[in-house]
Amino acid sequence: MLHAIGGFFLLNALLVESEGPWDRTITDTARAMALFALVTELLAAAVTGAFVALVRLRRWWFAIPAVLLLAAIARMVFPPVP
């Protein structure tokens, strides 16, 4: 469930577009959505770590939050420009 929420925030961060050259809030919006995705996926990674420690999940389950975390960080570093 946390991956779906994090993916939703990341999708919003990736799909946000500028309305024109006057739209100065596009950078802040994309970074905020990416930050929400980052926080959600860090929480998901912690929960995944707990279940891996209990041997309920295998280690490859860390790939899902890792990919979403890298994408969120990339969007924070390279936001869209107005």
C-alpha atoms as a PDB file:
ATOM      1  CA  MET A   1       0.000   0.000   0.000  1.00  0.00           C
ATOM      2  CA  LEU A   2       2.846   2.389   0.790  1.00  0.00           C
ATOM      3  CA  HIS A   3       4.400   1.720  -2.609  1.00  0.00           C
ATOM      4  CA  ALA A   4       1.132   2.698  -4.290  1.00  0.00           C
ATOM      5  CA  ILE A   5       0.974   5.953  -2.335  1.00  0.00           C
ATOM      6  CA  GLY A   6       4.635   6.709  -3.020  1.00  0.00           C
ATOM      7  CA  GLY A   7       4.135   5.871  -6.685  1.00  0.00           C
ATOM      8  CA  PHE A   8       1.160   8.244  -6.822  1.00  0.00           C
ATOM      9  CA  PHE A   9       3.249  11.104  -5.440  1.00  0.00           C
ATOM     10  CA  LEU A  10       6.112  10.275  -7.782  1.00  0.00           C
ATOM     11  CA  LEU A  11       3.791  10.106 -10.778  1.00  0.00           C
ATOM     12  CA  ASN A  12       2.427  13.537  -9.877  1.00  0.00           C
ATOM     13  CA  ALA A  13       5.987  14.854  -9.578  1.00  0.00           C
ATOM     14  CA  LEU A  14       6.900  13.454 -12.978  1.00  0.00           C
ATOM     15  CA  LEU A  15       3.756  14.536 -14.844  1.00  0.00           C
ATOM     16  CA  VAL A  16       3.454  18.096 -13.549  1.00  0.00           C
ATOM     17  CA  GLU A  17       3.853  20.611 -16.383  1.00  0.00           C
ATOM     18  CA  SER A  18       4.267  24.334 -16.563  1.00  0.00           C
ATOM     19  CA  GLU A  19       1.271  26.349 -17.713  1.00  0.00           C
ATOM     20  CA  GLY A  20       3.559  28.895 -19.332  1.00  0.00           C
ATOM     21  CA  PRO A  21       6.586  31.099 -18.712  1.00  0.00           C
ATOM     22  CA  TRP A  22       4.710  32.938 -15.936  1.00  0.00           C
ATOM     23  CA  ASP A  23       4.218  29.764 -13.863  1.00  0.00           C
ATOM     24  CA  ARG A  24       6.940  30.001 -11.200  1.00  0.00           C
ATOM     25  CA  THR A  25       5.444  27.423  -8.805  1.00  0.00           C
ATOM     26  CA  ILE A  26       6.151  24.426 -11.046  1.00  0.00           C
ATOM     27  CA  THR A  27       9.565  23.793  -9.502  1.00  0.00           C
ATOM     28  CA  ASP A  28       8.240  23.936  -5.960  1.00  0.00           C
ATOM     29  CA  THR A  29       5.300  21.678  -6.804  1.00  0.00           C
ATOM     30  CA  ALA A  30       7.469  19.022  -8.437  1.00  0.00           C
ATOM     31  CA  ARG A  31       9.943  19.080  -5.556  1.00  0.00           C
ATOM     32  CA  ALA A  32       7.164  18.871  -2.952  1.00  0.00           C
ATOM     33  CA  MET A  33       5.567  15.845  -4.662  1.00  0.00           C
ATOM     34  CA  ALA A  34       8.983  14.201  -4.965  1.00  0.00           C
ATOM     35  CA  LEU A  35       9.615  14.891  -1.271  1.00  0.00           C
ATOM     36  CA  PHE A  36       6.297  13.266  -0.335  1.00  0.00           C
ATOM     37  CA  ALA A  37       7.257  10.253  -2.461  1.00  0.00           C
ATOM     38  CA  LEU A  38      10.682  10.148  -0.806  1.00  0.00           C
ATOM     39  CA  VAL A  39       9.237  10.169   2.713  1.00  0.00           C
ATOM     40  CA  THR A  40       6.635   7.542   1.845  1.00  0.00           C
ATOM     41  CA  GLU A  41       9.188   5.245   0.237  1.00  0.00           C
ATOM     42  CA  LEU A  42      11.605   5.619   3.153  1.00  0.00           C
ATOM     43  CA  LEU A  43       8.794   4.445   5.391  1.00  0.00           C
ATOM     44  CA  ALA A  44       8.073   1.588   2.972  1.00  0.00           C
ATOM     45  CA  ALA A  45      11.756   0.634   2.972  1.00  0.00           C
ATOM     46  CA  ALA A  46      11.738   0.534   6.782  1.00  0.00           C
ATOM     47  CA  VAL A  47       8.673  -1.708   6.799  1.00  0.00           C
ATOM     48  CA  THR A  48      10.278  -3.897   4.136  1.00  0.00           C
ATOM     49  CA  GLY A  49      13.415  -4.111   6.259  1.00  0.00           C
ATOM     50  CA  ALA A  50      11.384  -5.284   9.221  1.00  0.00           C
ATOM     51  CA  PHE A  51       9.723  -8.024   7.183  1.00  0.00           C
ATOM     52  CA  VAL A  52      13.040  -9.091   5.634  1.00  0.00           C
ATOM     53  CA  ALA A  53      14.526  -9.344   9.134  1.00  0.00           C
ATOM     54  CA  LEU A  54      11.639 -11.602  10.131  1.00  0.00           C
ATOM     55  CA  VAL A  55      12.330 -13.716   7.013  1.00  0.00           C
ATOM     56  CA  ARG A  56       8.801 -13.086   5.723  1.00  0.00           C
ATOM     57  CA  LEU A  57      10.131 -11.412   2.560  1.00  0.00           C
ATOM     58  CA  ARG A  58      13.217 -11.957   0.456  1.00  0.00           C
ATOM     59  CA  ARG A  59      15.873  -9.302  -0.080  1.00  0.00           C
ATOM     60  CA  TRP A  60      14.807  -8.530  -3.648  1.00  0.00           C
ATOM     61  CA  TRP A  61      11.805  -6.687  -2.187  1.00  0.00           C
ATOM     62  CA  PHE A  62      14.211  -3.824  -1.451  1.00  0.00           C
ATOM     63  CA  ALA A  63      14.344  -3.187  -5.214  1.00  0.00           C
ATOM     64  CA  ILE A  64      10.883  -1.598  -5.287  1.00  0.00           C
ATOM     65  CA  PRO A  65      11.559   1.194  -2.772  1.00  0.00           C
ATOM     66  CA  ALA A  66      15.090   1.620  -4.140  1.00  0.00           C
ATOM     67  CA  VAL A  67      13.852   2.347  -7.665  1.00  0.00           C
ATOM     68  CA  LEU A  68      11.156   4.718  -6.447  1.00  0.00           C
ATOM     69  CA  LEU A  69      13.602   6.479  -4.106  1.00  0.00           C
ATOM     70  CA  LEU A  70      16.111   7.012  -6.913  1.00  0.00           C
ATOM     71  CA  ALA A  71      13.422   8.383  -9.207  1.00  0.00           C
ATOM     72  CA  ALA A  72      12.183  10.775  -6.497  1.00  0.00           C
ATOM     73  CA  ILE A  73      15.701  12.005  -5.788  1.00  0.00           C
ATOM     74  CA  ALA A  74      16.323  12.503  -9.501  1.00  0.00           C
ATOM     75  CA  ARG A  75      13.126  14.561  -9.795  1.00  0.00           C
ATOM     76  CA  MET A  76      14.144  16.691  -6.818  1.00  0.00           C
ATOM     77  CA  VAL A  77      17.566  17.343  -8.336  1.00  0.00           C
ATOM     78  CA  PHE A  78      16.259  17.947 -11.872  1.00  0.00           C
ATOM     79  CA  PRO A  79      12.885  19.727 -11.490  1.00  0.00           C
ATOM     80  CA  PRO A  80      11.071  21.177 -14.490  1.00  0.00           C
ATOM     81  CA  VAL A  81      11.801  24.772 -15.354  1.00  0.00           C
ATOM     82  CA  PRO A  82       9.079  27.325 -16.082  1.00  0.00           C
END
